[in-house]
Protein backbone atom coordinates (compact mmCIF):
# COMPACT_ATOMS: atom_id res chain seq x y z
CA UNK A 1 -27.64 25.82 -3.74
CA UNK A 2 -28.52 29.23 -2.35
CA UNK A 3 -26.33 31.68 -4.27
CA UNK A 4 -26.44 33.94 -1.24
CA UNK A 5 -24.28 31.39 0.57
CA UNK A 6 -20.74 32.72 1.00
CA UNK A 7 -18.53 31.34 -1.75
CA UNK A 8 -15.98 30.04 0.72
CA UNK A 9 -18.57 27.65 2.25
CA UNK A 10 -20.24 26.26 -0.88
CA UNK A 11 -20.07 22.46 -1.15
CA UNK A 12 -21.67 19.74 -3.25
CA UNK A 13 -24.28 17.42 -1.78
CA UNK A 14 -23.43 13.79 -2.66
CA UNK A 15 -26.97 12.47 -2.14
CA UNK A 16 -27.82 12.75 -5.84
CA UNK A 17 -24.84 10.68 -7.03
CA UNK A 18 -25.78 7.72 -9.25
CA UNK A 19 -24.11 4.46 -8.31
CA UNK A 20 -23.78 1.32 -10.46
CA UNK A 21 -23.32 -2.37 -9.82
CA UNK A 22 -19.81 -3.70 -10.43
CA UNK A 23 -21.04 -7.24 -11.06
CA UNK A 24 -20.96 -6.95 -14.85
CA UNK A 25 -18.06 -4.52 -15.05
CA UNK A 26 -15.08 -5.35 -17.27
CA UNK A 27 -11.98 -5.70 -15.09
CA UNK A 28 -8.43 -5.33 -16.32
CA UNK A 29 -7.10 -7.50 -13.46
CA UNK A 30 -8.70 -10.77 -12.36
CA UNK A 31 -7.83 -13.69 -10.12
CA UNK A 32 -7.10 -15.65 -13.31
CA UNK A 33 -4.34 -13.20 -14.27
CA UNK A 34 -2.61 -13.08 -10.88
CA UNK A 35 1.02 -14.17 -10.82
CA UNK A 36 1.65 -17.29 -8.76
CA UNK A 37 4.87 -18.25 -6.91
CA UNK A 38 6.42 -21.37 -8.34
CA UNK A 39 4.26 -21.21 -11.46
CA UNK A 40 4.68 -17.86 -13.21
CA UNK A 41 7.80 -17.37 -15.33
CA UNK A 42 9.82 -14.36 -14.23
CA UNK A 43 12.45 -12.65 -16.44
CA UNK A 44 16.00 -12.44 -15.02
CA UNK A 45 16.65 -9.43 -12.79
CA UNK A 46 20.11 -8.90 -11.32
CA UNK A 47 20.78 -5.20 -10.60
CA UNK A 48 23.85 -4.20 -8.65
CA UNK A 49 23.29 -4.37 -4.90
CA UNK A 50 20.21 -6.61 -5.03
CA UNK A 51 21.99 -9.63 -3.53
CA UNK A 52 23.23 -7.43 -0.69
CA UNK A 53 19.69 -6.25 0.00
CA UNK A 54 18.46 -9.85 0.10
CA UNK A 55 21.16 -10.75 2.63
CA UNK A 56 20.20 -7.78 4.80
CA UNK A 57 16.57 -8.93 4.76
CA UNK A 58 17.70 -12.43 5.76
CA UNK A 59 19.83 -11.04 8.59
CA UNK A 60 17.00 -8.82 9.80
CA UNK A 61 14.60 -11.75 10.10
CA UNK A 62 17.24 -14.00 11.65
CA UNK A 63 17.61 -11.34 14.36
CA UNK A 64 13.84 -10.90 14.67
CA UNK A 65 13.97 -7.40 13.24
CA UNK A 66 11.17 -5.93 11.09
CA UNK A 67 10.84 -5.93 7.34
CA UNK A 68 8.28 -3.27 6.52
CA UNK A 69 6.87 -3.20 2.98
CA UNK A 70 5.14 -0.12 1.62
CA UNK A 71 3.24 -0.39 -1.66
CA UNK A 72 1.39 1.69 -4.18
CA UNK A 73 -1.78 0.36 -5.79
CA UNK A 74 -0.01 -0.76 -8.97
CA UNK A 75 1.55 -3.60 -7.00
CA UNK A 76 -1.94 -5.09 -6.63
CA UNK A 77 -2.86 -4.12 -10.20
CA UNK A 78 0.29 -5.86 -11.45
CA UNK A 79 -1.16 -9.14 -10.19
CA UNK A 80 1.19 -9.57 -7.24
CA UNK A 81 -1.24 -10.32 -4.41
CA UNK A 82 -0.17 -13.96 -4.16
CA UNK A 83 3.48 -12.98 -3.93
CA UNK A 84 2.79 -10.54 -1.09
CA UNK A 85 0.74 -13.20 0.71
CA UNK A 86 3.50 -15.78 0.20
CA UNK A 87 6.18 -13.39 1.49
CA UNK A 88 4.07 -12.75 4.58
CA UNK A 89 3.37 -16.45 5.19
CA UNK A 90 7.09 -17.22 4.91
CA UNK A 91 7.87 -14.53 7.49
CA UNK A 92 9.61 -12.08 5.16
CA UNK A 93 7.06 -9.29 5.73
CA UNK A 94 6.30 -8.09 9.26
CA UNK A 95 4.21 -5.04 8.32
CA UNK A 96 2.48 -3.99 5.08
CA UNK A 97 1.52 -0.36 4.46
CA UNK A 98 -0.37 1.10 1.53
CA UNK A 99 -2.57 3.91 0.32
CA UNK A 100 -6.35 3.70 0.05
CA UNK A 101 -6.32 2.42 -3.53
CA UNK A 102 -4.34 -0.64 -2.41
CA UNK A 103 -7.15 -1.62 -0.04
CA UNK A 104 -9.82 -0.99 -2.68
CA UNK A 105 -8.25 -3.18 -5.39
CA UNK A 106 -7.63 -5.85 -2.75
CA UNK A 107 -11.25 -5.65 -1.54
CA UNK A 108 -12.62 -5.87 -5.09
CA UNK A 109 -10.53 -8.92 -5.91
CA UNK A 110 -11.87 -10.60 -2.75
CA UNK A 111 -15.58 -10.18 -3.53
CA UNK A 112 -15.62 -9.76 -7.31
CA UNK A 113 -12.62 -11.73 -8.48
CA UNK A 114 -11.54 -8.71 -10.51
CA UNK A 115 -10.54 -5.08 -10.23
CA UNK A 116 -9.25 -2.08 -12.22
CA UNK A 117 -11.84 -0.54 -14.51
CA UNK A 118 -11.02 1.33 -17.73
CA UNK A 119 -10.71 4.87 -16.38
CA UNK A 120 -10.29 6.86 -19.66
CA UNK A 121 -13.81 5.95 -20.83
CA UNK A 122 -15.47 5.87 -17.39
CA UNK A 123 -14.40 9.41 -16.53
CA UNK A 124 -16.16 10.73 -19.64
CA UNK A 125 -19.66 10.13 -18.29
CA UNK A 126 -18.93 10.36 -14.58
CA UNK A 127 -19.30 6.63 -13.92
CA UNK A 128 -15.68 6.21 -12.83
CA UNK A 129 -15.53 4.69 -9.38
CA UNK A 130 -19.30 4.74 -8.83
CA UNK A 131 -19.53 1.10 -7.77
CA UNK A 132 -22.20 0.38 -5.21
CA UNK A 133 -20.76 -2.86 -3.86
CA UNK A 134 -17.22 -1.57 -3.40
CA UNK A 135 -18.06 1.85 -2.05
CA UNK A 136 -21.08 0.85 0.01
CA UNK A 137 -19.46 -2.16 1.66
CA UNK A 138 -16.12 -0.53 2.36
CA UNK A 139 -17.77 2.51 3.90
CA UNK A 140 -19.97 0.20 5.97
CA UNK A 141 -16.83 -1.56 7.20
CA UNK A 142 -15.06 1.70 8.06
CA UNK A 143 -18.08 3.26 9.74
CA UNK A 144 -18.36 0.18 11.96
CA UNK A 145 -14.61 0.12 12.53
CA UNK A 146 -14.56 3.72 13.67
CA UNK A 147 -17.25 2.95 16.26
CA UNK A 148 -15.10 0.14 17.62
CA UNK A 149 -11.81 2.06 17.55
CA UNK A 150 -10.33 -0.20 14.89
CA UNK A 151 -7.70 0.69 12.32
CA UNK A 152 -8.49 0.94 8.61
CA UNK A 153 -6.85 -2.35 7.64
CA UNK A 154 -8.36 -4.06 10.64
CA UNK A 155 -11.84 -2.75 9.78
CA UNK A 156 -11.91 -4.07 6.21
CA UNK A 157 -10.37 -7.39 7.28
CA UNK A 158 -12.94 -7.81 10.06
CA UNK A 159 -15.68 -7.11 7.51
CA UNK A 160 -14.41 -9.81 5.15
CA UNK A 161 -14.07 -12.21 8.07
CA UNK A 162 -17.65 -11.50 9.16
CA UNK A 163 -19.12 -12.00 5.66
CA UNK A 164 -17.22 -14.98 4.20
CA UNK A 165 -19.93 -15.94 1.70
CA UNK A 166 -19.71 -12.50 0.09
CA UNK A 167 -15.97 -12.85 -0.50
CA UNK A 168 -15.39 -16.08 -2.44
CA UNK A 169 -11.91 -14.95 -3.49
CA UNK A 170 -10.67 -13.90 -0.05
CA UNK A 171 -7.73 -16.33 -0.28
CA UNK A 172 -6.22 -13.82 -2.74
CA UNK A 173 -6.94 -10.84 -0.47
CA UNK A 174 -3.74 -9.44 1.00
CA UNK A 175 -5.16 -7.57 3.99
CA UNK A 176 -7.37 -10.53 5.01
CA UNK A 177 -4.46 -12.97 4.86
CA UNK A 178 -2.26 -10.67 6.93
CA UNK A 179 -5.10 -10.27 9.44
CA UNK A 180 -5.23 -14.07 9.78
CA UNK A 181 -1.43 -14.13 10.23
CA UNK A 182 -1.58 -11.37 12.88
CA UNK A 183 0.60 -9.13 10.70
CA UNK A 184 -0.41 -5.45 10.58
CA UNK A 185 -1.71 -4.13 7.27
CA UNK A 186 -2.14 -0.37 7.57
CA UNK A 187 -3.64 2.09 5.09
CA UNK A 188 -2.74 5.76 5.02
CA UNK A 189 -5.47 7.83 3.44
CA UNK A 190 -5.51 11.16 1.64
CA UNK A 191 -9.16 12.21 1.73
CA UNK A 192 -10.64 12.74 -1.72
CA UNK A 193 -8.26 10.38 -3.51
CA UNK A 194 -10.28 7.15 -3.36
CA UNK A 195 -13.47 6.04 -5.09
CA UNK A 196 -15.14 5.16 -1.78
CA UNK A 197 -15.02 8.87 -0.91
CA UNK A 198 -17.54 9.46 -3.73
CA UNK A 199 -20.30 7.43 -2.12
CA UNK A 200 -23.15 9.13 -0.18
CA UNK A 201 -22.45 6.82 2.80
CA UNK A 202 -18.87 8.01 3.11
CA UNK A 203 -18.05 9.52 6.49
CA UNK A 204 -14.74 11.32 6.14
CA UNK A 205 -14.36 11.59 9.90
CA UNK A 206 -14.65 7.82 10.31
CA UNK A 207 -12.14 7.17 7.54
CA UNK A 208 -9.75 9.62 9.17
CA UNK A 209 -10.22 8.00 12.57
CA UNK A 210 -9.46 4.51 11.22
CA UNK A 211 -6.46 5.69 9.23
CA UNK A 212 -5.24 7.59 12.29
CA UNK A 213 -5.21 4.36 14.30
CA UNK A 214 -3.22 2.76 11.48
CA UNK A 215 -0.67 5.58 11.51
CA UNK A 216 0.09 4.99 15.18
CA UNK A 217 0.46 1.26 14.52
CA UNK A 218 2.77 2.04 11.62
CA UNK A 219 4.81 4.33 13.88
CA UNK A 220 5.24 1.47 16.34
CA UNK A 221 6.64 -0.80 13.63
CA UNK A 222 9.01 1.93 12.45
CA UNK A 223 10.17 2.53 16.03
CA UNK A 224 11.41 -1.08 16.09
CA UNK A 225 13.27 -0.74 12.79
CA UNK A 226 16.86 -0.66 14.10
CA UNK A 227 18.55 -3.59 12.38
CA UNK A 228 15.54 -3.93 10.07
CA UNK A 229 14.59 -3.16 6.49
CA UNK A 230 12.11 -0.78 4.87
CA UNK A 231 11.05 -1.48 1.27
CA UNK A 232 8.92 0.85 -0.85
CA UNK A 233 7.36 -0.42 -4.07
CA UNK A 234 5.92 2.27 -6.31
CA UNK A 235 4.45 4.63 -3.73
CA UNK A 236 5.67 8.05 -4.83
CA UNK A 237 4.01 10.27 -2.21
CA UNK A 238 1.99 8.63 0.59
CA UNK A 239 4.51 5.91 1.47
CA UNK A 240 7.60 8.17 1.57
CA UNK A 241 5.82 10.95 3.48
CA UNK A 242 4.25 8.66 6.07
CA UNK A 243 7.56 6.86 6.59
CA UNK A 244 9.53 10.07 7.18
CA UNK A 245 7.02 11.32 9.76
CA UNK A 246 6.94 7.96 11.53
CA UNK A 247 10.73 7.90 11.60
CA UNK A 248 10.88 11.41 13.07
CA UNK A 249 8.34 10.47 15.76
CA UNK A 250 10.32 7.34 16.62
CA UNK A 251 13.59 9.24 16.97
CA UNK A 252 11.90 12.04 18.90
CA UNK A 253 10.72 9.44 21.42
CA UNK A 254 14.24 8.04 21.76
CA UNK A 255 13.98 4.84 19.74
CA UNK A 256 17.26 3.81 18.07
CA UNK A 257 16.44 3.73 14.37
CA UNK A 258 19.77 4.48 12.70
CA UNK A 259 21.04 1.02 11.77
CA UNK A 260 18.46 0.53 9.04
CA UNK A 261 18.35 -0.56 5.42
CA UNK A 262 16.00 1.13 2.97
CA UNK A 263 15.20 0.44 -0.66
CA UNK A 264 12.91 2.08 -3.19
CA UNK A 265 11.62 0.21 -6.25
CA UNK A 266 10.24 2.11 -9.22
CA UNK A 267 10.40 2.49 -12.99
CA UNK A 268 12.14 5.85 -12.73
CA UNK A 269 15.91 5.82 -13.28
CA UNK A 270 17.63 8.27 -10.92
CA UNK A 271 21.20 7.69 -12.10
CA UNK A 272 23.54 8.24 -9.14
CA UNK A 273 20.80 8.25 -6.53
CA UNK A 274 23.16 8.92 -3.61
CA UNK A 275 24.64 12.16 -4.92
CA UNK A 276 23.23 15.47 -3.77
CA UNK A 277 20.92 17.27 -6.19
CA UNK A 278 19.88 20.91 -6.11
CA UNK A 279 16.50 22.59 -6.31
CA UNK A 280 16.94 23.06 -10.05
CA UNK A 281 16.99 19.28 -10.61
CA UNK A 282 13.51 17.68 -10.90
CA UNK A 283 14.85 14.61 -9.12
CA UNK A 284 15.12 16.71 -5.96
CA UNK A 285 11.32 16.70 -5.76
CA UNK A 286 10.96 12.94 -6.17
CA UNK A 287 9.95 12.02 -2.62
CA UNK A 288 11.25 8.43 -2.47
CA UNK A 289 14.78 9.58 -3.26
CA UNK A 290 14.85 11.94 -0.28
CA UNK A 291 12.52 10.26 2.18
CA UNK A 292 13.53 6.64 1.68
CA UNK A 293 16.91 6.32 -0.03
CA UNK A 294 18.89 9.24 1.46
CA UNK A 295 17.57 11.08 4.52
CA UNK A 296 16.71 8.10 6.77
CA UNK A 297 20.25 6.68 6.52
CA UNK A 298 22.18 9.94 6.90
CA UNK A 299 23.50 8.77 10.31
CA UNK A 300 23.93 5.09 9.49
CA UNK A 301 22.50 2.26 7.48
CA UNK A 302 22.26 2.07 3.72
CA UNK A 303 19.71 3.07 1.08
CA UNK A 304 19.13 1.83 -2.46
CA UNK A 305 17.03 2.66 -5.49
CA UNK A 306 16.20 -0.22 -7.85
CA UNK A 307 14.70 0.29 -11.30
CA UNK A 308 12.30 -2.34 -12.59
CA UNK A 309 8.74 -3.52 -13.11
CA UNK A 310 7.05 -4.71 -9.91
CA UNK A 311 6.01 -7.87 -11.76
CA UNK A 312 9.73 -8.70 -11.95
CA UNK A 313 11.24 -7.17 -8.81
CA UNK A 314 8.86 -8.64 -6.25
CA UNK A 315 8.86 -12.21 -7.64
CA UNK A 316 12.66 -12.04 -7.92
CA UNK A 317 12.90 -10.91 -4.30
CA UNK A 318 10.67 -13.82 -3.27
CA UNK A 319 12.65 -16.35 -5.31
CA UNK A 320 15.98 -15.21 -3.87
CA UNK A 321 14.73 -15.20 -0.30
CA UNK A 322 13.21 -18.64 -0.73
CA UNK A 323 16.21 -19.86 -2.78
CA UNK A 324 13.94 -20.79 -5.68
CA UNK A 325 15.98 -21.80 -8.71
């Protein structure tokens, strides 16, 4: 780099980045470790209000109202892909939203049969996330999708659909299954947060364009939410922030979105999650509390916060909805 270049404009060139094959990588999550509805044993989970939430989901679907599910990447890493797919196939999910990492773990499971590397050691030598197959293929999918005006979720699903031989585990891929079911799977990207952004083929503009299409599709689903349910599993920032903006847009445009039910699922115990907290309380800055549990239902509806491991809460939700004993 020319040191005469103004400091405010200096940037790294990614062309010299070394990529590696993921084919022999050790994965912490594999298709063999995925939880399976009707097979996996699930510990009892009966928090106060959970039965009421289940009944509200039932009522929403009986009245053809949406059930939107927002997830963080640990839902996929907890081995819950088959449960999400089953919920969608049974009609309990009408829209799935996630961050970029959700799509990456899903994509890796589809082609590799495994995902989730050991980050603490990989970051030491700069090999973390430098996987040629994942980064190269996903960027190829998104670059093509941007040309065609597709959304992010649509782009990666179309890529899997077009290359079936390269994705032998696609039956466990959430976004591909939802694509086949004509259920929107949208991904809301913060640039610089995902491993595919490290690859020389990454075009940030194309990723932004695809994610922008997804945001508008997400806004449409939220605009129809009156009488529906919004569930957030483990997304602490992207999910709550995207939801609040989509809700504001919907109300600004005159859509009735006040008779809604919201629920946040996380490991963090908030105590009395409906009481007001001040700026001095760290819980004030926990986005799901404000953006999912409290603010959206200030003029109607009801919001909950449930504490528990995703590997228990999501299977329990499925079992109760499907009346599995």
